[in-house]
Amino acid sequence: MGWEEFAPANLARASSALDPTYFVLEASQGAAAELFAAIMGQLGLDPPPDPVSGAQVGNFTWDFYSFERPGGNAADLAMAEDGDKAYFVYLVSTPDEHDTLYEQLFLPAVAAMAPLE
């Protein structure tokens, strides 16, 4: 099985019925803080995590977050803002695949994000 697209740029790997690997690229109107609060609410994270780092990558200055999801799965979130638009990249993976997917999927996606016109 390969990646299954649930919505544009919302992908689940689905290599098995138990595969938790999920990847999202998104942009929306509004401030990054508002989008971050909405994402944290959807994920049920209260209190929300603090950023683990920040960096200029590609076209934006990003805040990077790492946290654990149910079942011990690793989650990574990058948030950026440009004018009136907010951008995020989100990855959930098993701990044993985390480093590989972070380096080969997550970071290249962060670097490739570009402002929406």
PDB file of N, CA and C in Angstrom:
ATOM      1  N   MET A   1       0.845  -1.183   0.000  1.00  0.00           N
ATOM      2  CA  MET A   1       0.000   0.000   0.000  1.00  0.00           C
ATOM      3  C   MET A   1       0.884   1.238   0.000  1.00  0.00           C
ATOM      4  N   GLY A   2       0.371   2.305  -0.604  1.00  0.00           N
ATOM      5  CA  GLY A   2       1.105   3.558  -0.646  1.00  0.00           C
ATOM      6  C   GLY A   2       0.408   4.623   0.186  1.00  0.00           C
ATOM      7  N   TRP A   3       0.708   5.860  -0.131  1.00  0.00           N
ATOM      8  CA  TRP A   3       0.103   6.992   0.560  1.00  0.00           C
ATOM      9  C   TRP A   3      -1.315   7.206   0.050  1.00  0.00           C
ATOM     10  N   GLU A   4      -2.227   7.469   0.973  1.00  0.00           N
ATOM     11  CA  GLU A   4      -3.622   7.733   0.630  1.00  0.00           C
ATOM     12  C   GLU A   4      -3.926   9.184   0.964  1.00  0.00           C
ATOM     13  N   GLU A   5      -4.476   9.920  -0.016  1.00  0.00           N
ATOM     14  CA  GLU A   5      -4.783  11.333   0.188  1.00  0.00           C
ATOM     15  C   GLU A   5      -6.224  11.483   0.685  1.00  0.00           C
ATOM     16  N   PHE A   6      -6.367  12.040   1.908  1.00  0.00           N
ATOM     17  CA  PHE A   6      -7.690  12.268   2.492  1.00  0.00           C
ATOM     18  C   PHE A   6      -8.264  13.607   2.057  1.00  0.00           C
ATOM     19  N   ALA A   7      -7.424  14.570   1.848  1.00  0.00           N
ATOM     20  CA  ALA A   7      -7.758  15.904   1.363  1.00  0.00           C
ATOM     21  C   ALA A   7      -6.487  16.404   0.693  1.00  0.00           C
ATOM     22  N   PRO A   8      -6.551  17.485  -0.065  1.00  0.00           N
ATOM     23  CA  PRO A   8      -5.315  17.970  -0.677  1.00  0.00           C
ATOM     24  C   PRO A   8      -4.203  18.156   0.363  1.00  0.00           C
ATOM     25  N   ALA A   9      -3.074  17.518   0.122  1.00  0.00           N
ATOM     26  CA  ALA A   9      -1.879  17.598   0.979  1.00  0.00           C
ATOM     27  C   ALA A   9      -2.099  17.052   2.387  1.00  0.00           C
ATOM     28  N   ASN A  10      -3.068  16.169   2.580  1.00  0.00           N
ATOM     29  CA  ASN A  10      -3.301  15.441   3.833  1.00  0.00           C
ATOM     30  C   ASN A  10      -3.183  13.960   3.508  1.00  0.00           C
ATOM     31  N   LEU A  11      -2.050  13.367   3.876  1.00  0.00           N
ATOM     32  CA  LEU A  11      -1.739  12.021   3.433  1.00  0.00           C
ATOM     33  C   LEU A  11      -1.536  11.069   4.600  1.00  0.00           C
ATOM     34  N   ALA A  12      -2.053   9.863   4.447  1.00  0.00           N
ATOM     35  CA  ALA A  12      -1.786   8.775   5.392  1.00  0.00           C
ATOM     36  C   ALA A  12      -1.074   7.689   4.600  1.00  0.00           C
ATOM     37  N   ARG A  13      -0.015   7.141   5.188  1.00  0.00           N
ATOM     38  CA  ARG A  13       0.747   6.127   4.455  1.00  0.00           C
ATOM     39  C   ARG A  13      -0.033   4.827   4.318  1.00  0.00           C
ATOM     40  N   ALA A  14      -0.675   4.376   5.356  1.00  0.00           N
ATOM     41  CA  ALA A  14      -1.527   3.191   5.305  1.00  0.00           C
ATOM     42  C   ALA A  14      -0.817   1.959   4.762  1.00  0.00           C
ATOM     43  N   SER A  15       0.437   1.718   5.204  1.00  0.00           N
ATOM     44  CA  SER A  15       1.126   0.507   4.772  1.00  0.00           C
ATOM     45  C   SER A  15       0.533  -0.730   5.434  1.00  0.00           C
ATOM     46  N   SER A  16      -0.200  -0.513   6.537  1.00  0.00           N
ATOM     47  CA  SER A  16      -0.966  -1.572   7.193  1.00  0.00           C
ATOM     48  C   SER A  16      -2.107  -0.906   7.943  1.00  0.00           C
ATOM     49  N   ALA A  17      -3.012  -1.696   8.463  1.00  0.00           N
ATOM     50  CA  ALA A  17      -4.136  -1.139   9.214  1.00  0.00           C
ATOM     51  C   ALA A  17      -3.668  -0.443  10.492  1.00  0.00           C
ATOM     52  N   LEU A  18      -2.469  -0.748  10.951  1.00  0.00           N
ATOM     53  CA  LEU A  18      -1.950  -0.165  12.188  1.00  0.00           C
ATOM     54  C   LEU A  18      -0.926   0.951  11.950  1.00  0.00           C
ATOM     55  N   ASP A  19      -0.674   1.312  10.708  1.00  0.00           N
ATOM     56  CA  ASP A  19       0.329   2.329  10.393  1.00  0.00           C
ATOM     57  C   ASP A  19      -0.197   3.714  10.784  1.00  0.00           C
ATOM     58  N   PRO A  20       0.450   4.398  11.753  1.00  0.00           N
ATOM     59  CA  PRO A  20      -0.020   5.711  12.187  1.00  0.00           C
ATOM     60  C   PRO A  20       0.560   6.875  11.381  1.00  0.00           C
ATOM     61  N   THR A  21       1.392   6.601  10.372  1.00  0.00           N
ATOM     62  CA  THR A  21       2.120   7.655   9.681  1.00  0.00           C
ATOM     63  C   THR A  21       1.155   8.551   8.911  1.00  0.00           C
ATOM     64  N   TYR A  22       1.252   9.839   9.239  1.00  0.00           N
ATOM     65  CA  TYR A  22       0.342  10.847   8.690  1.00  0.00           C
ATOM     66  C   TYR A  22       1.160  12.091   8.378  1.00  0.00           C
ATOM     67  N   PHE A  23       0.864  12.758   7.255  1.00  0.00           N
ATOM     68  CA  PHE A  23       1.647  13.903   6.804  1.00  0.00           C
ATOM     69  C   PHE A  23       0.711  14.957   6.236  1.00  0.00           C
ATOM     70  N   VAL A  24       0.889  16.206   6.674  1.00  0.00           N
ATOM     71  CA  VAL A  24       0.025  17.297   6.228  1.00  0.00           C
ATOM     72  C   VAL A  24       0.869  18.510   5.861  1.00  0.00           C
ATOM     73  N   LEU A  25       0.530  19.135   4.745  1.00  0.00           N
ATOM     74  CA  LEU A  25       1.045  20.438   4.333  1.00  0.00           C
ATOM     75  C   LEU A  25      -0.171  21.340   4.204  1.00  0.00           C
ATOM     76  N   GLU A  26      -0.131  22.513   4.816  1.00  0.00           N
ATOM     77  CA  GLU A  26      -1.340  23.337   4.804  1.00  0.00           C
ATOM     78  C   GLU A  26      -0.982  24.807   4.855  1.00  0.00           C
ATOM     79  N   ALA A  27      -1.828  25.621   4.274  1.00  0.00           N
ATOM     80  CA  ALA A  27      -1.765  27.076   4.374  1.00  0.00           C
ATOM     81  C   ALA A  27      -3.188  27.579   4.525  1.00  0.00           C
ATOM     82  N   SER A  28      -3.361  28.617   5.347  1.00  0.00           N
ATOM     83  CA  SER A  28      -4.694  29.174   5.523  1.00  0.00           C
ATOM     84  C   SER A  28      -4.604  30.648   5.872  1.00  0.00           C
ATOM     85  N   GLN A  29      -5.702  31.336   5.672  1.00  0.00           N
ATOM     86  CA  GLN A  29      -5.782  32.742   6.048  1.00  0.00           C
ATOM     87  C   GLN A  29      -5.702  32.864   7.562  1.00  0.00           C
ATOM     88  N   GLY A  30      -5.042  33.909   8.040  1.00  0.00           N
ATOM     89  CA  GLY A  30      -4.997  34.170   9.468  1.00  0.00           C
ATOM     90  C   GLY A  30      -3.587  34.084  10.020  1.00  0.00           C
ATOM     91  N   ALA A  31      -3.507  34.335  11.307  1.00  0.00           N
ATOM     92  CA  ALA A  31      -2.216  34.349  11.995  1.00  0.00           C
ATOM     93  C   ALA A  31      -1.794  32.940  12.391  1.00  0.00           C
ATOM     94  N   ALA A  32      -0.487  32.724  12.471  1.00  0.00           N
ATOM     95  CA  ALA A  32       0.041  31.422  12.874  1.00  0.00           C
ATOM     96  C   ALA A  32      -0.426  31.059  14.281  1.00  0.00           C
ATOM     97  N   ALA A  33      -0.507  32.042  15.179  1.00  0.00           N
ATOM     98  CA  ALA A  33      -0.938  31.765  16.556  1.00  0.00           C
ATOM     99  C   ALA A  33      -2.360  31.221  16.589  1.00  0.00           C
ATOM    100  N   GLU A  34      -3.233  31.757  15.739  1.00  0.00           N
ATOM    101  CA  GLU A  34      -4.619  31.272  15.677  1.00  0.00           C
ATOM    102  C   GLU A  34      -4.664  29.853  15.122  1.00  0.00           C
ATOM    103  N   LEU A  35      -3.900  29.603  14.074  1.00  0.00           N
ATOM    104  CA  LEU A  35      -3.865  28.269  13.476  1.00  0.00           C
ATOM    105  C   LEU A  35      -3.271  27.267  14.460  1.00  0.00           C
ATOM    106  N   PHE A  36      -2.209  27.667  15.154  1.00  0.00           N
ATOM    107  CA  PHE A  36      -1.587  26.793  16.148  1.00  0.00           C
ATOM    108  C   PHE A  36      -2.594  26.421  17.236  1.00  0.00           C
ATOM    109  N   ALA A  37      -3.338  27.401  17.733  1.00  0.00           N
ATOM    110  CA  ALA A  37      -4.347  27.131  18.763  1.00  0.00           C
ATOM    111  C   ALA A  37      -5.414  26.166  18.249  1.00  0.00           C
ATOM    112  N   ALA A  38      -5.836  26.333  17.008  1.00  0.00           N
ATOM    113  CA  ALA A  38      -6.847  25.439  16.424  1.00  0.00           C
ATOM    114  C   ALA A  38      -6.302  24.019  16.295  1.00  0.00           C
ATOM    115  N   ILE A  39      -5.059  23.876  15.832  1.00  0.00           N
ATOM    116  CA  ILE A  39      -4.447  22.552  15.683  1.00  0.00           C
ATOM    117  C   ILE A  39      -4.312  21.876  17.045  1.00  0.00           C
ATOM    118  N   MET A  40      -3.841  22.620  18.039  1.00  0.00           N
ATOM    119  CA  MET A  40      -3.678  22.048  19.378  1.00  0.00           C
ATOM    120  C   MET A  40      -5.025  21.600  19.942  1.00  0.00           C
ATOM    121  N   GLY A  41      -6.085  22.360  19.677  1.00  0.00           N
ATOM    122  CA  GLY A  41      -7.425  21.965  20.102  1.00  0.00           C
ATOM    123  C   GLY A  41      -7.869  20.682  19.422  1.00  0.00           C
ATOM    124  N   GLN A  42      -7.620  20.575  18.118  1.00  0.00           N
ATOM    125  CA  GLN A  42      -7.982  19.363  17.384  1.00  0.00           C
ATOM    126  C   GLN A  42      -7.214  18.156  17.889  1.00  0.00           C
ATOM    127  N   LEU A  43      -5.963  18.372  18.283  1.00  0.00           N
ATOM    128  CA  LEU A  43      -5.126  17.271  18.763  1.00  0.00           C
ATOM    129  C   LEU A  43      -5.341  16.984  20.245  1.00  0.00           C
ATOM    130  N   GLY A  44      -6.079  17.847  20.924  1.00  0.00           N
ATOM    131  CA  GLY A  44      -6.342  17.651  22.345  1.00  0.00           C
ATOM    132  C   GLY A  44      -5.125  17.893  23.215  1.00  0.00           C
ATOM    133  N   LEU A  45      -4.233  18.779  22.797  1.00  0.00           N
ATOM    134  CA  LEU A  45      -3.027  19.064  23.562  1.00  0.00           C
ATOM    135  C   LEU A  45      -3.232  20.309  24.424  1.00  0.00           C
ATOM    136  N   ASP A  46      -3.400  20.087  25.705  1.00  0.00           N
ATOM    137  CA  ASP A  46      -3.603  21.181  26.652  1.00  0.00           C
ATOM    138  C   ASP A  46      -2.832  20.874  27.922  1.00  0.00           C
ATOM    139  N   PRO A  47      -1.785  21.585  28.207  1.00  0.00           N
ATOM    140  CA  PRO A  47      -1.316  22.780  27.508  1.00  0.00           C
ATOM    141  C   PRO A  47      -0.563  22.415  26.227  1.00  0.00           C
ATOM    142  N   PRO A  48      -0.511  23.363  25.295  1.00  0.00           N
ATOM    143  CA  PRO A  48       0.231  23.095  24.061  1.00  0.00           C
ATOM    144  C   PRO A  48       1.726  23.048  24.327  1.00  0.00           C
ATOM    145  N   PRO A  49       2.464  22.352  23.478  1.00  0.00           N
ATOM    146  CA  PRO A  49       3.917  22.290  23.656  1.00  0.00           C
ATOM    147  C   PRO A  49       4.574  23.629  23.314  1.00  0.00           C
ATOM    148  N   ASP A  50       5.729  23.847  23.874  1.00  0.00           N
ATOM    149  CA  ASP A  50       6.550  25.002  23.517  1.00  0.00           C
ATOM    150  C   ASP A  50       7.398  24.632  22.312  1.00  0.00           C
ATOM    151  N   PRO A  51       7.791  25.627  21.519  1.00  0.00           N
ATOM    152  CA  PRO A  51       8.682  25.307  20.395  1.00  0.00           C
ATOM    153  C   PRO A  51      10.010  24.741  20.899  1.00  0.00           C
ATOM    154  N   VAL A  52      10.542  23.775  20.174  1.00  0.00           N
ATOM    155  CA  VAL A  52      11.855  23.212  20.513  1.00  0.00           C
ATOM    156  C   VAL A  52      12.964  23.984  19.807  1.00  0.00           C
ATOM    157  N   SER A  53      12.604  24.677  18.712  1.00  0.00           N
ATOM    158  CA  SER A  53      13.575  25.505  17.996  1.00  0.00           C
ATOM    159  C   SER A  53      12.845  26.416  17.023  1.00  0.00           C
ATOM    160  N   GLY A  54      13.582  27.324  16.467  1.00  0.00           N
ATOM    161  CA  GLY A  54      13.096  28.210  15.424  1.00  0.00           C
ATOM    162  C   GLY A  54      14.218  28.419  14.430  1.00  0.00           C
ATOM    163  N   ALA A  55      13.884  28.554  13.151  1.00  0.00           N
ATOM    164  CA  ALA A  55      14.930  28.707  12.146  1.00  0.00           C
ATOM    165  C   ALA A  55      14.351  29.255  10.852  1.00  0.00           C
ATOM    166  N   GLN A  56      15.195  29.956  10.118  1.00  0.00           N
ATOM    167  CA  GLN A  56      14.870  30.370   8.765  1.00  0.00           C
ATOM    168  C   GLN A  56      15.151  29.175   7.859  1.00  0.00           C
ATOM    169  N   VAL A  57      14.113  28.636   7.256  1.00  0.00           N
ATOM    170  CA  VAL A  57      14.252  27.499   6.345  1.00  0.00           C
ATOM    171  C   VAL A  57      13.427  27.825   5.107  1.00  0.00           C
ATOM    172  N   GLY A  58      14.051  27.786   3.956  1.00  0.00           N
ATOM    173  CA  GLY A  58      13.329  28.092   2.729  1.00  0.00           C
ATOM    174  C   GLY A  58      12.830  29.529   2.742  1.00  0.00           C
ATOM    175  N   ASN A  59      11.543  29.712   2.537  1.00  0.00           N
ATOM    176  CA  ASN A  59      10.942  31.031   2.400  1.00  0.00           C
ATOM    177  C   ASN A  59      10.457  31.658   3.700  1.00  0.00           C
ATOM    178  N   PHE A  60      10.508  30.923   4.821  1.00  0.00           N
ATOM    179  CA  PHE A  60       9.893  31.410   6.055  1.00  0.00           C
ATOM    180  C   PHE A  60      10.792  31.208   7.261  1.00  0.00           C
ATOM    181  N   THR A  61      10.450  31.916   8.333  1.00  0.00           N
ATOM    182  CA  THR A  61      11.015  31.639   9.645  1.00  0.00           C
ATOM    183  C   THR A  61      10.015  30.741  10.353  1.00  0.00           C
ATOM    184  N   TRP A  62      10.447  29.558  10.757  1.00  0.00           N
ATOM    185  CA  TRP A  62       9.580  28.521  11.298  1.00  0.00           C
ATOM    186  C   TRP A  62       9.800  28.339  12.795  1.00  0.00           C
ATOM    187  N   ASP A  63       8.725  27.989  13.487  1.00  0.00           N
ATOM    188  CA  ASP A  63       8.799  27.449  14.844  1.00  0.00           C
ATOM    189  C   ASP A  63       8.591  25.950  14.714  1.00  0.00           C
ATOM    190  N   PHE A  64       9.451  25.174  15.354  1.00  0.00           N
ATOM    191  CA  PHE A  64       9.389  23.717  15.296  1.00  0.00           C
ATOM    192  C   PHE A  64       8.948  23.163  16.651  1.00  0.00           C
ATOM    193  N   TYR A  65       8.021  22.213  16.605  1.00  0.00           N
ATOM    194  CA  TYR A  65       7.488  21.562  17.798  1.00  0.00           C
ATOM    195  C   TYR A  65       7.652  20.056  17.647  1.00  0.00           C
ATOM    196  N   SER A  66       7.942  19.388  18.739  1.00  0.00           N
ATOM    197  CA  SER A  66       7.982  17.922  18.781  1.00  0.00           C
ATOM    198  C   SER A  66       7.212  17.481  20.013  1.00  0.00           C
ATOM    199  N   PHE A  67       6.359  16.463  19.838  1.00  0.00           N
ATOM    200  CA  PHE A  67       5.564  15.968  20.960  1.00  0.00           C
ATOM    201  C   PHE A  67       5.149  14.539  20.664  1.00  0.00           C
ATOM    202  N   GLU A  68       4.584  13.907  21.655  1.00  0.00           N
ATOM    203  CA  GLU A  68       4.179  12.510  21.521  1.00  0.00           C
ATOM    204  C   GLU A  68       2.672  12.420  21.327  1.00  0.00           C
ATOM    205  N   ARG A  69       2.275  11.531  20.460  1.00  0.00           N
ATOM    206  CA  ARG A  69       0.862  11.256  20.212  1.00  0.00           C
ATOM    207  C   ARG A  69       0.489   9.941  20.906  1.00  0.00           C
ATOM    208  N   PRO A  70      -0.805   9.646  21.004  1.00  0.00           N
ATOM    209  CA  PRO A  70      -1.217   8.378  21.627  1.00  0.00           C
ATOM    210  C   PRO A  70      -0.511   7.185  20.988  1.00  0.00           C
ATOM    211  N   GLY A  71      -0.199   6.224  21.821  1.00  0.00           N
ATOM    212  CA  GLY A  71       0.495   5.035  21.347  1.00  0.00           C
ATOM    213  C   GLY A  71       2.005   5.218  21.289  1.00  0.00           C
ATOM    214  N   GLY A  72       2.491   6.366  21.776  1.00  0.00           N
ATOM    215  CA  GLY A  72       3.925   6.614  21.777  1.00  0.00           C
ATOM    216  C   GLY A  72       4.488   7.070  20.447  1.00  0.00           C
ATOM    217  N   ASN A  73       3.630   7.463  19.512  1.00  0.00           N
ATOM    218  CA  ASN A  73       4.103   7.902  18.205  1.00  0.00           C
ATOM    219  C   ASN A  73       4.664   9.317  18.282  1.00  0.00           C
ATOM    220  N   ALA A  74       5.670   9.576  17.470  1.00  0.00           N
ATOM    221  CA  ALA A  74       6.311  10.888  17.422  1.00  0.00           C
ATOM    222  C   ALA A  74       5.523  11.823  16.516  1.00  0.00           C
ATOM    223  N   ALA A  75       5.434  13.091  16.911  1.00  0.00           N
ATOM    224  CA  ALA A  75       4.775  14.105  16.092  1.00  0.00           C
ATOM    225  C   ALA A  75       5.695  15.308  15.971  1.00  0.00           C
ATOM    226  N   ASP A  76       5.760  15.860  14.777  1.00  0.00           N
ATOM    227  CA  ASP A  76       6.541  17.064  14.497  1.00  0.00           C
ATOM    228  C   ASP A  76       5.641  18.052  13.776  1.00  0.00           C
ATOM    229  N   LEU A  77       5.745  19.306  14.184  1.00  0.00           N
ATOM    230  CA  LEU A  77       4.936  20.372  13.603  1.00  0.00           C
ATOM    231  C   LEU A  77       5.845  21.562  13.365  1.00  0.00           C
ATOM    232  N   ALA A  78       5.761  22.152  12.187  1.00  0.00           N
ATOM    233  CA  ALA A  78       6.456  23.395  11.875  1.00  0.00           C
ATOM    234  C   ALA A  78       5.400  24.430  11.509  1.00  0.00           C
ATOM    235  N   MET A  79       5.511  25.632  12.100  1.00  0.00           N
ATOM    236  CA  MET A  79       4.547  26.707  11.872  1.00  0.00           C
ATOM    237  C   MET A  79       5.276  27.952  11.387  1.00  0.00           C
ATOM    238  N   ALA A  80       4.676  28.653  10.407  1.00  0.00           N
ATOM    239  CA  ALA A  80       5.240  29.900   9.901  1.00  0.00           C
ATOM    240  C   ALA A  80       4.100  30.833   9.515  1.00  0.00           C
ATOM    241  N   GLU A  81       4.449  32.089   9.331  1.00  0.00           N
ATOM    242  CA  GLU A  81       3.458  33.096   8.977  1.00  0.00           C
ATOM    243  C   GLU A  81       4.066  34.034   7.952  1.00  0.00           C
ATOM    244  N   ASP A  82       3.237  34.485   7.022  1.00  0.00           N
ATOM    245  CA  ASP A  82       3.674  35.439   6.005  1.00  0.00           C
ATOM    246  C   ASP A  82       2.501  36.364   5.726  1.00  0.00           C
ATOM    247  N   GLY A  83       2.543  37.567   6.250  1.00  0.00           N
ATOM    248  CA  GLY A  83       1.441  38.498   6.048  1.00  0.00           C
ATOM    249  C   GLY A  83       0.191  37.989   6.730  1.00  0.00           C
ATOM    250  N   ASP A  84      -0.848  37.760   5.963  1.00  0.00           N
ATOM    251  CA  ASP A  84      -2.120  37.298   6.530  1.00  0.00           C
ATOM    252  C   ASP A  84      -2.350  35.808   6.329  1.00  0.00           C
ATOM    253  N   LYS A  85      -1.286  35.064   6.053  1.00  0.00           N
ATOM    254  CA  LYS A  85      -1.410  33.612   5.859  1.00  0.00           C
ATOM    255  C   LYS A  85      -0.498  32.869   6.834  1.00  0.00           C
ATOM    256  N   ALA A  86      -0.981  31.719   7.287  1.00  0.00           N
ATOM    257  CA  ALA A  86      -0.210  30.845   8.171  1.00  0.00           C
ATOM    258  C   ALA A  86       0.041  29.530   7.435  1.00  0.00           C
ATOM    259  N   TYR A  87       1.182  28.924   7.719  1.00  0.00           N
ATOM    260  CA  TYR A  87       1.607  27.701   7.045  1.00  0.00           C
ATOM    261  C   TYR A  87       2.024  26.677   8.098  1.00  0.00           C
ATOM    262  N   PHE A  88       1.733  25.406   7.822  1.00  0.00           N
ATOM    263  CA  PHE A  88       2.246  24.373   8.714  1.00  0.00           C
ATOM    264  C   PHE A  88       2.535  23.090   7.966  1.00  0.00           C
ATOM    265  N   VAL A  89       3.475  22.348   8.559  1.00  0.00           N
ATOM    266  CA  VAL A  89       3.832  21.004   8.094  1.00  0.00           C
ATOM    267  C   VAL A  89       3.743  20.122   9.326  1.00  0.00           C
ATOM    268  N   TYR A  90       3.055  18.981   9.196  1.00  0.00           N
ATOM    269  CA  TYR A  90       2.801  18.102  10.348  1.00  0.00           C
ATOM    270  C   TYR A  90       3.105  16.670   9.950  1.00  0.00           C
ATOM    271  N   LEU A  91       3.824  15.970  10.815  1.00  0.00           N
ATOM    272  CA  LEU A  91       4.172  14.577  10.565  1.00  0.00           C
ATOM    273  C   LEU A  91       3.969  13.770  11.838  1.00  0.00           C
ATOM    274  N   VAL A  92       3.296  12.632  11.715  1.00  0.00           N
ATOM    275  CA  VAL A  92       3.194  11.647  12.800  1.00  0.00           C
ATOM    276  C   VAL A  92       3.840  10.378  12.280  1.00  0.00           C
ATOM    277  N   SER A  93       4.704   9.779  13.115  1.00  0.00           N
ATOM    278  CA  SER A  93       5.389   8.560  12.702  1.00  0.00           C
ATOM    279  C   SER A  93       5.706   7.704  13.921  1.00  0.00           C
ATOM    280  N   THR A  94       6.004   6.452  13.660  1.00  0.00           N
ATOM    281  CA  THR A  94       6.440   5.580  14.742  1.00  0.00           C
ATOM    282  C   THR A  94       7.839   6.017  15.177  1.00  0.00           C
ATOM    283  N   PRO A  95       8.190   5.791  16.446  1.00  0.00           N
ATOM    284  CA  PRO A  95       9.518   6.197  16.917  1.00  0.00           C
ATOM    285  C   PRO A  95      10.663   5.594  16.101  1.00  0.00           C
ATOM    286  N   ASP A  96      10.516   4.363  15.645  1.00  0.00           N
ATOM    287  CA  ASP A  96      11.614   3.730  14.905  1.00  0.00           C
ATOM    288  C   ASP A  96      11.804   4.312  13.502  1.00  0.00           C
ATOM    289  N   GLU A  97      10.799   4.965  12.948  1.00  0.00           N
ATOM    290  CA  GLU A  97      10.920   5.582  11.626  1.00  0.00           C
ATOM    291  C   GLU A  97      11.085   7.093  11.696  1.00  0.00           C
ATOM    292  N   HIS A  98      10.984   7.650  12.898  1.00  0.00           N
ATOM    293  CA  HIS A  98      10.944   9.097  13.049  1.00  0.00           C
ATOM    294  C   HIS A  98      12.120   9.808  12.383  1.00  0.00           C
ATOM    295  N   ASP A  99      13.340   9.426  12.704  1.00  0.00           N
ATOM    296  CA  ASP A  99      14.501  10.150  12.186  1.00  0.00           C
ATOM    297  C   ASP A  99      14.549  10.139  10.658  1.00  0.00           C
ATOM    298  N   THR A 100      14.272   9.011  10.065  1.00  0.00           N
ATOM    299  CA  THR A 100      14.298   8.904   8.605  1.00  0.00           C
ATOM    300  C   THR A 100      13.223   9.775   7.966  1.00  0.00           C
ATOM    301  N   LEU A 101      11.990   9.682   8.446  1.00  0.00           N
ATOM    302  CA  LEU A 101      10.906  10.476   7.865  1.00  0.00           C
ATOM    303  C   LEU A 101      11.096  11.968   8.136  1.00  0.00           C
ATOM    304  N   TYR A 102      11.651  12.311   9.280  1.00  0.00           N
ATOM    305  CA  TYR A 102      11.913  13.716   9.603  1.00  0.00           C
ATOM    306  C   TYR A 102      12.921  14.292   8.606  1.00  0.00           C
ATOM    307  N   GLU A 103      13.991  13.576   8.342  1.00  0.00           N
ATOM    308  CA  GLU A 103      15.047  14.060   7.440  1.00  0.00           C
ATOM    309  C   GLU A 103      14.649  14.001   5.967  1.00  0.00           C
ATOM    310  N   GLN A 104      13.925  12.941   5.565  1.00  0.00           N
ATOM    311  CA  GLN A 104      13.660  12.724   4.147  1.00  0.00           C
ATOM    312  C   GLN A 104      12.314  13.257   3.671  1.00  0.00           C
ATOM    313  N   LEU A 105      11.388  13.539   4.596  1.00  0.00           N
ATOM    314  CA  LEU A 105      10.060  14.007   4.212  1.00  0.00           C
ATOM    315  C   LEU A 105       9.731  15.355   4.854  1.00  0.00           C
ATOM    316  N   PHE A 106       9.818  15.433   6.168  1.00  0.00           N
ATOM    317  CA  PHE A 106       9.393  16.622   6.896  1.00  0.00           C
ATOM    318  C   PHE A 106      10.251  17.849   6.553  1.00  0.00           C
ATOM    319  N   LEU A 107      11.565  17.764   6.756  1.00  0.00           N
ATOM    320  CA  LEU A 107      12.427  18.924   6.513  1.00  0.00           C
ATOM    321  C   LEU A 107      12.417  19.375   5.050  1.00  0.00           C
ATOM    322  N   PRO A 108      12.455  18.470   4.058  1.00  0.00           N
ATOM    323  CA  PRO A 108      12.351  18.936   2.673  1.00  0.00           C
ATOM    324  C   PRO A 108      11.012  19.631   2.380  1.00  0.00           C
ATOM    325  N   ALA A 109       9.933  19.165   3.001  1.00  0.00           N
ATOM    326  CA  ALA A 109       8.635  19.813   2.798  1.00  0.00           C
ATOM    327  C   ALA A 109       8.635  21.216   3.398  1.00  0.00           C
ATOM    328  N   VAL A 110       9.228  21.368   4.584  1.00  0.00           N
ATOM    329  CA  VAL A 110       9.338  22.695   5.204  1.00  0.00           C
ATOM    330  C   VAL A 110      10.123  23.623   4.276  1.00  0.00           C
ATOM    331  N   ALA A 111      11.238  23.157   3.766  1.00  0.00           N
ATOM    332  CA  ALA A 111      12.078  23.967   2.894  1.00  0.00           C
ATOM    333  C   ALA A 111      11.374  24.336   1.590  1.00  0.00           C
ATOM    334  N   ALA A 112      10.477  23.486   1.117  1.00  0.00           N
ATOM    335  CA  ALA A 112       9.810  23.707  -0.165  1.00  0.00           C
ATOM    336  C   ALA A 112       8.571  24.600  -0.083  1.00  0.00           C
ATOM    337  N   MET A 113       8.045  24.821   1.116  1.00  0.00           N
ATOM    338  CA  MET A 113       6.837  25.652   1.233  1.00  0.00           C
ATOM    339  C   MET A 113       7.123  27.049   0.708  1.00  0.00           C
ATOM    340  N   ALA A 114       6.161  27.583  -0.031  1.00  0.00           N
ATOM    341  CA  ALA A 114       6.313  28.912  -0.627  1.00  0.00           C
ATOM    342  C   ALA A 114       5.072  29.742  -0.350  1.00  0.00           C
ATOM    343  N   PRO A 115       5.218  31.051  -0.307  1.00  0.00           N
ATOM    344  CA  PRO A 115       4.055  31.912  -0.047  1.00  0.00           C
ATOM    345  C   PRO A 115       2.971  31.709  -1.091  1.00  0.00           C
ATOM    346  N   LEU A 116       1.733  31.784  -0.644  1.00  0.00           N
ATOM    347  CA  LEU A 116       0.592  31.733  -1.556  1.00  0.00           C
ATOM    348  C   LEU A 116       0.282  33.148  -2.015  1.00  0.00           C
ATOM    349  N   GLU A 117      -0.007  33.292  -3.253  1.00  0.00           N
ATOM    350  CA  GLU A 117      -0.355  34.608  -3.794  1.00  0.00           C
ATOM    351  C   GLU A 117      -1.788  34.942  -3.519  1.00  0.00           C
TER     352      GLU A 117
END
